[in-house]
Amino acid sequence: MKTSELKSIFGTSKPILGMIHLPPLPGSPNYCGSMTKVLDHALFDADVLVRCGIDAVIVENLGDYPYYPMTTEPETVAAMTRAALEIKRHYNVPMGINILRNSWKSALAVASLADAQFIRLNVLTDAMVTDQGPINGEAYLAMRYRKAIGAEHVKVFADIYAKHGGPIVRRDMATVAREMIHRGMADALIVSGEESAFPPAKDQIDLVKKAAGDTPVFLGSGIGLNTFDCILHADGSVFGYGTKPSGDMSDPVDETTVRTFMDRVRGIR
C-alpha cells in the first residue's frame, strides 16, 4: 500500500485510528457473563470517537489477558465478530481488527466477515520474546491465508519490534522494515515505544520512515495531548492510551480528551 492510498481508505492523508478496547470476552478469566455489557461499552466508545471526528476505529480484545500467543478459540472469534458487526451497524467508519496477542488468522477472518479495512498484527516477521513466550513471525502463512479466503482487500498493518516485547535477535531496524514490506508483504508499518504509555523516539520514526519509502508508517503507542507533536513525523497514528487520562485501559474513552485532540489534529491538516 502506498501513502497516496490513505485518503481513499480513511478520507484523509494522515489518519487517526481510535482504539475500542473491549472488556473481557467470553472464555477469558475476567468475563462478566454479559455480552450486552461488552457491546454497550464498545458502542459508547465508538460513539464518542466517531462524534469527535476520529478517522477509523480498531476493535481489540484488550480485556482478554492473559493472552494466548495465537487465539483460535471459537467463543473469542465469535464475540469479536459480533462486536465488530454491531459497531459497523451503528457507525459508518473504517475499521481495523486486532486479536491479541498475534492472532492473524482469526483477525483476518473477522475483518473479512465484518467488512473491516485492515488488521493490526504485532509480529509479522522475525521473532519476539513477549510475556506470552516466544512468538515467531508467520508472514508466509498469514499472506497465503489472506489470499485463500479472498481477503486481499484487508490490509495488514504490522508492528516493527512490537511494544511489550523484544526481538530474540535485534537486527538493523531499517533492514527489518524493508524486509517486512517486501518479503513479509506488510501494507503499512507501526512503530511504537516499549509500552503503551510511551511514544516511539523521533529517531526511530525517522529511520523507519526512510526505510519504508512510500509505504505508510503509523505510530502505535503513547499518543495523546502531551505527545501531540509526535504525529507530525508519521503518516498516521493509533490513538488509544491517550484517550483515557487515568491511564486505566478498562475505562471508557474520555470525550473531552478526544475532542480536544481531534480539534488539534484538524488544526494541522
Protein backbone atom coordinates (compact mmCIF):
# COMPACT_ATOMS: atom_id res chain seq x y z
CA MET A 1 0.00 0.00 0.00
CA LYS A 2 1.20 3.49 -0.84
CA THR A 3 0.79 6.61 1.26
CA SER A 4 -1.31 8.04 -1.56
CA GLU A 5 -3.95 5.37 -0.82
CA LEU A 6 -4.56 6.55 2.74
CA LYS A 7 -7.01 9.25 1.68
CA SER A 8 -9.15 6.82 -0.31
CA ILE A 9 -9.39 4.45 2.68
CA PHE A 10 -9.62 6.90 5.59
CA GLY A 11 -10.72 10.16 3.99
CA THR A 12 -7.52 11.92 4.99
CA SER A 13 -3.81 11.61 4.25
CA LYS A 14 -2.85 11.50 7.95
CA PRO A 15 -5.48 9.34 9.69
CA ILE A 16 -6.00 8.93 13.42
CA LEU A 17 -7.08 5.42 14.39
CA GLY A 18 -9.07 5.34 17.63
CA MET A 19 -8.92 2.25 19.81
CA ILE A 20 -12.02 0.43 21.05
CA HIS A 21 -10.63 -1.66 23.92
CA LEU A 22 -13.18 -4.39 24.52
CA PRO A 23 -13.85 -5.61 28.05
CA PRO A 24 -13.12 -9.31 28.74
CA LEU A 25 -14.88 -11.55 26.24
CA PRO A 26 -16.47 -14.98 26.80
CA GLY A 27 -13.86 -17.57 27.70
CA SER A 28 -11.43 -15.10 29.29
CA PRO A 29 -10.81 -15.18 33.07
CA ASN A 30 -12.44 -11.80 33.79
CA TYR A 31 -15.52 -12.09 31.57
CA CYS A 32 -18.50 -10.54 33.40
CA GLY A 33 -21.02 -13.00 31.97
CA SER A 34 -22.87 -10.49 29.76
CA MET A 35 -22.13 -9.76 26.11
CA THR A 36 -24.70 -6.98 26.35
CA LYS A 37 -22.40 -5.13 28.76
CA VAL A 38 -19.44 -5.73 26.46
CA LEU A 39 -21.34 -4.31 23.49
CA ASP A 40 -22.64 -1.35 25.47
CA HIS A 41 -19.04 -0.44 26.39
CA ALA A 42 -17.89 -0.84 22.77
CA LEU A 43 -20.73 1.26 21.37
CA PHE A 44 -20.18 4.01 23.93
CA ASP A 45 -16.53 4.28 22.92
CA ALA A 46 -17.37 4.10 19.22
CA ASP A 47 -19.97 6.85 19.60
CA VAL A 48 -17.54 9.20 21.34
CA LEU A 49 -14.75 8.53 18.86
CA VAL A 50 -16.93 8.99 15.79
CA ARG A 51 -18.70 12.12 17.08
CA CYS A 52 -15.33 13.69 17.87
CA GLY A 53 -14.13 13.11 14.32
CA ILE A 54 -11.85 10.07 14.55
CA ASP A 55 -10.89 8.70 11.11
CA ALA A 56 -11.12 4.98 11.90
CA VAL A 57 -11.50 2.57 14.81
CA ILE A 58 -9.57 -0.53 15.81
CA VAL A 59 -11.52 -3.17 17.72
CA GLU A 60 -9.24 -5.07 20.11
CA ASN A 61 -9.79 -7.76 22.77
CA LEU A 62 -7.68 -5.91 25.32
CA GLY A 63 -9.55 -7.35 28.31
CA ASP A 64 -8.76 -10.98 27.45
CA TYR A 65 -5.46 -11.20 29.36
CA PRO A 66 -3.53 -13.34 29.93
CA TYR A 67 -3.44 -13.62 26.16
CA TYR A 68 -2.97 -16.66 24.02
CA PRO A 69 0.03 -16.29 21.71
CA MET A 70 -2.41 -17.27 18.94
CA THR A 71 -6.15 -17.06 19.66
CA THR A 72 -8.27 -19.62 17.80
CA GLU A 73 -10.95 -20.24 20.46
CA PRO A 74 -14.36 -20.08 18.76
CA GLU A 75 -16.02 -18.11 21.57
CA THR A 76 -13.43 -15.31 21.20
CA VAL A 77 -13.69 -15.23 17.42
CA ALA A 78 -17.49 -15.21 17.62
CA ALA A 79 -17.51 -12.40 20.21
CA MET A 80 -15.06 -10.30 18.20
CA THR A 81 -17.17 -10.78 15.08
CA ARG A 82 -20.34 -9.82 16.93
CA ALA A 83 -18.72 -6.69 18.38
CA ALA A 84 -17.29 -5.61 15.03
CA LEU A 85 -20.59 -6.12 13.22
CA GLU A 86 -22.52 -4.24 15.92
CA ILE A 87 -20.17 -1.26 15.66
CA LYS A 88 -20.39 -1.35 11.86
CA ARG A 89 -24.19 -1.45 12.05
CA HIS A 90 -24.26 1.80 14.00
CA TYR A 91 -21.28 3.71 12.59
CA ASN A 92 -20.06 4.01 9.03
CA VAL A 93 -16.35 4.34 9.80
CA PRO A 94 -13.27 2.47 8.57
CA MET A 95 -12.37 -0.37 10.92
CA GLY A 96 -9.39 -2.47 11.91
CA ILE A 97 -9.28 -5.70 13.92
CA ASN A 98 -6.59 -6.70 16.42
CA ILE A 99 -6.89 -10.02 18.24
CA LEU A 100 -4.17 -10.32 20.85
CA ARG A 101 -1.56 -11.46 21.01
CA ASN A 102 -0.73 -12.31 17.42
CA SER A 103 -3.85 -13.90 16.01
CA TRP A 104 -3.54 -13.15 12.31
CA LYS A 105 -5.82 -15.97 11.20
CA SER A 106 -8.72 -15.05 13.46
CA ALA A 107 -8.25 -11.33 12.80
CA LEU A 108 -8.30 -11.78 9.03
CA ALA A 109 -11.42 -13.94 9.23
CA VAL A 110 -13.25 -11.43 11.45
CA ALA A 111 -12.12 -8.49 9.30
CA SER A 112 -13.28 -10.20 6.12
CA LEU A 113 -16.73 -11.01 7.51
CA ALA A 114 -17.20 -7.61 9.19
CA ASP A 115 -16.11 -5.61 6.13
CA ALA A 116 -13.15 -4.15 8.03
CA GLN A 117 -10.39 -2.43 6.09
CA PHE A 118 -7.33 -3.73 7.94
CA ILE A 119 -5.91 -5.76 10.79
CA ARG A 120 -3.12 -4.90 13.19
CA LEU A 121 -0.56 -7.67 13.62
CA ASN A 122 2.08 -7.44 16.32
CA VAL A 123 4.59 -9.94 14.85
CA LEU A 124 4.59 -10.45 11.08
CA THR A 125 8.28 -11.25 10.59
CA ASP A 126 11.27 -12.03 12.83
CA ALA A 127 10.78 -13.50 16.33
CA MET A 128 9.88 -11.75 19.58
CA VAL A 129 10.09 -12.58 23.26
CA THR A 130 6.87 -11.48 24.95
CA ASP A 131 5.00 -12.18 28.18
CA GLN A 132 3.24 -14.94 26.22
CA GLY A 133 6.63 -16.51 25.46
CA PRO A 134 8.43 -16.56 22.11
CA ILE A 135 6.31 -15.58 19.10
CA ASN A 136 7.58 -16.27 15.59
CA GLY A 137 6.52 -14.22 12.60
CA GLU A 138 4.32 -16.20 10.23
CA ALA A 139 4.05 -13.94 7.21
CA TYR A 140 4.34 -16.99 4.97
CA LEU A 141 1.12 -18.39 6.46
CA ALA A 142 -0.75 -15.11 7.01
CA MET A 143 -0.45 -13.91 3.44
CA ARG A 144 -1.37 -17.29 1.99
CA TYR A 145 -4.43 -17.43 4.24
CA ARG A 146 -5.47 -13.91 3.24
CA LYS A 147 -5.28 -14.99 -0.40
CA ALA A 148 -7.11 -18.27 0.27
CA ILE A 149 -10.16 -16.61 1.82
CA GLY A 150 -10.32 -13.87 -0.79
CA ALA A 151 -9.43 -11.12 1.66
CA GLU A 152 -6.63 -9.38 -0.25
CA HIS A 153 -8.54 -6.11 0.28
CA VAL A 154 -7.92 -6.39 4.06
CA LYS A 155 -4.67 -4.54 4.70
CA VAL A 156 -2.10 -5.81 7.20
CA PHE A 157 -0.68 -3.08 9.46
CA ALA A 158 2.32 -4.74 11.06
CA ASP A 159 4.28 -3.70 14.13
CA ILE A 160 8.03 -3.45 13.81
CA TYR A 161 9.53 -4.72 17.08
CA ALA A 162 6.17 -4.60 18.83
CA LYS A 163 5.70 -2.99 22.24
CA HIS A 164 5.57 -5.25 25.31
CA GLY A 165 8.24 -7.47 23.83
CA GLY A 166 11.71 -7.59 22.39
CA PRO A 167 13.37 -9.34 19.43
CA ILE A 168 15.16 -12.61 20.06
CA VAL A 169 17.95 -11.22 17.89
CA ARG A 170 17.89 -7.48 17.28
CA ARG A 171 18.67 -6.75 13.64
CA ASP A 172 19.14 -3.41 11.95
CA MET A 173 15.71 -1.76 12.12
CA ALA A 174 15.92 -0.34 8.61
CA THR A 175 16.62 -3.83 7.24
CA VAL A 176 13.71 -5.27 9.22
CA ALA A 177 11.41 -2.53 7.92
CA ARG A 178 12.35 -3.14 4.29
CA GLU A 179 12.00 -6.90 4.64
CA MET A 180 8.63 -6.63 6.36
CA ILE A 181 7.34 -4.70 3.36
CA HIS A 182 8.99 -6.57 0.52
CA ARG A 183 9.34 -10.12 1.90
CA GLY A 184 6.60 -10.09 4.55
CA MET A 185 4.12 -8.13 2.37
CA ALA A 186 3.12 -5.67 5.10
CA ASP A 187 0.79 -2.97 3.77
CA ALA A 188 1.80 -0.48 6.50
CA LEU A 189 4.25 -0.45 9.38
CA ILE A 190 3.60 0.52 13.00
CA VAL A 191 6.42 1.80 15.20
CA SER A 192 5.92 2.02 18.97
CA GLY A 193 7.63 2.70 22.26
CA GLU A 194 8.43 -0.01 24.79
CA GLU A 195 4.96 0.12 26.38
CA SER A 196 1.53 1.55 25.56
CA ALA A 197 2.19 4.75 27.53
CA PHE A 198 5.37 5.69 25.66
CA PRO A 199 5.63 7.02 22.10
CA PRO A 200 8.49 5.92 19.87
CA ALA A 201 11.59 8.09 19.73
CA LYS A 202 11.76 10.52 16.82
CA ASP A 203 14.98 8.99 15.50
CA GLN A 204 13.26 5.61 15.32
CA ILE A 205 10.29 7.09 13.49
CA ASP A 206 12.59 8.82 11.00
CA LEU A 207 14.64 5.66 10.46
CA VAL A 208 11.59 3.52 9.74
CA LYS A 209 10.04 6.21 7.54
CA LYS A 210 13.16 6.41 5.42
CA ALA A 211 13.41 2.64 5.09
CA ALA A 212 9.70 2.25 4.29
CA GLY A 213 9.83 4.62 1.34
CA ASP A 214 6.27 5.15 0.08
CA THR A 215 4.72 2.60 2.45
CA PRO A 216 2.76 4.25 5.29
CA VAL A 217 4.25 4.34 8.78
CA PHE A 218 1.95 4.70 11.78
CA LEU A 219 2.70 5.48 15.42
CA GLY A 220 1.43 2.72 17.67
CA SER A 221 1.76 3.88 21.27
CA GLY A 222 1.88 6.82 23.66
CA ILE A 223 -0.04 9.29 21.50
CA GLY A 224 -2.06 11.88 23.40
CA LEU A 225 -2.39 15.55 24.25
CA ASN A 226 1.03 15.66 25.91
CA THR A 227 2.76 13.96 22.98
CA PHE A 228 0.74 15.50 20.18
CA ASP A 229 3.71 16.73 18.16
CA CYS A 230 4.80 13.14 17.54
CA ILE A 231 2.03 12.71 14.97
CA LEU A 232 3.74 15.24 12.70
CA HIS A 233 6.51 12.76 11.96
CA ALA A 234 4.40 9.82 10.73
CA ASP A 235 1.70 9.08 8.17
CA GLY A 236 -0.90 8.28 10.82
CA SER A 237 -1.29 7.37 14.48
CA VAL A 238 -3.07 4.91 16.73
CA PHE A 239 -4.88 6.84 19.47
CA GLY A 240 -5.62 4.55 22.39
CA TYR A 241 -3.74 5.10 25.63
CA GLY A 242 -4.14 8.86 25.30
CA THR A 243 -7.95 8.65 25.19
CA LYS A 244 -8.01 7.66 28.87
CA PRO A 245 -6.46 10.31 31.15
CA SER A 246 -6.45 7.98 34.16
CA GLY A 247 -4.15 5.55 32.37
CA ASP A 248 -6.60 2.72 33.14
CA MET A 249 -7.27 0.97 29.85
CA SER A 250 -10.53 -0.52 31.16
CA ASP A 251 -12.03 2.98 31.40
CA PRO A 252 -14.31 4.29 28.66
CA VAL A 253 -12.73 6.84 26.34
CA ASP A 254 -12.91 10.41 27.63
CA GLU A 255 -14.92 12.67 25.33
CA THR A 256 -13.27 15.94 26.36
CA THR A 257 -9.82 14.50 25.74
CA VAL A 258 -10.72 13.01 22.36
CA ARG A 259 -12.49 16.17 21.20
CA THR A 260 -9.55 18.38 22.21
CA PHE A 261 -7.09 16.06 20.49
CA MET A 262 -9.07 15.89 17.25
CA ASP A 263 -9.57 19.67 17.23
CA ARG A 264 -5.78 19.98 17.30
CA VAL A 265 -5.48 17.41 14.52
CA ARG A 266 -7.86 19.39 12.32
CA GLY A 267 -5.77 22.47 13.05
CA ILE A 268 -2.72 20.95 11.30
CA ARG A 269 -4.49 19.39 8.33
